[in-house]
């Protein structure tokens, strides 16, 4: 994994650490460093795509997270895509662990 990709992956992991902690928000590709780096090229070379063979985070815990979010009633956009219940936290944690699993071995704890 090159340095640019590693930096983006680490930033994406930080995003999900904040979400799990209840201090962050998922704005999809808008606040995903990996998407910003790879989405324009249909995700080719993204570590998520390399692992799953799917564009748009298909076949990852992210899909279940986004689906679950539709069960919550939001009155404003600011309330959306944050941890609202234990299931949200569990799904966000799964996404976080998935992203961490993509780190090169020497960075995994």
Foldseek 3Di string as FASTA:
>chain_A
DDPLLLVQLVQQLVQLVCQLVQNHFDPQLVRRSQCVVAVVVQSPPRLLCVVPVHGSNPPALVVVLVVVQVVDDDPDPVPGGGDDDPVNSVSSVRRSVVSLVSDPPVPRD
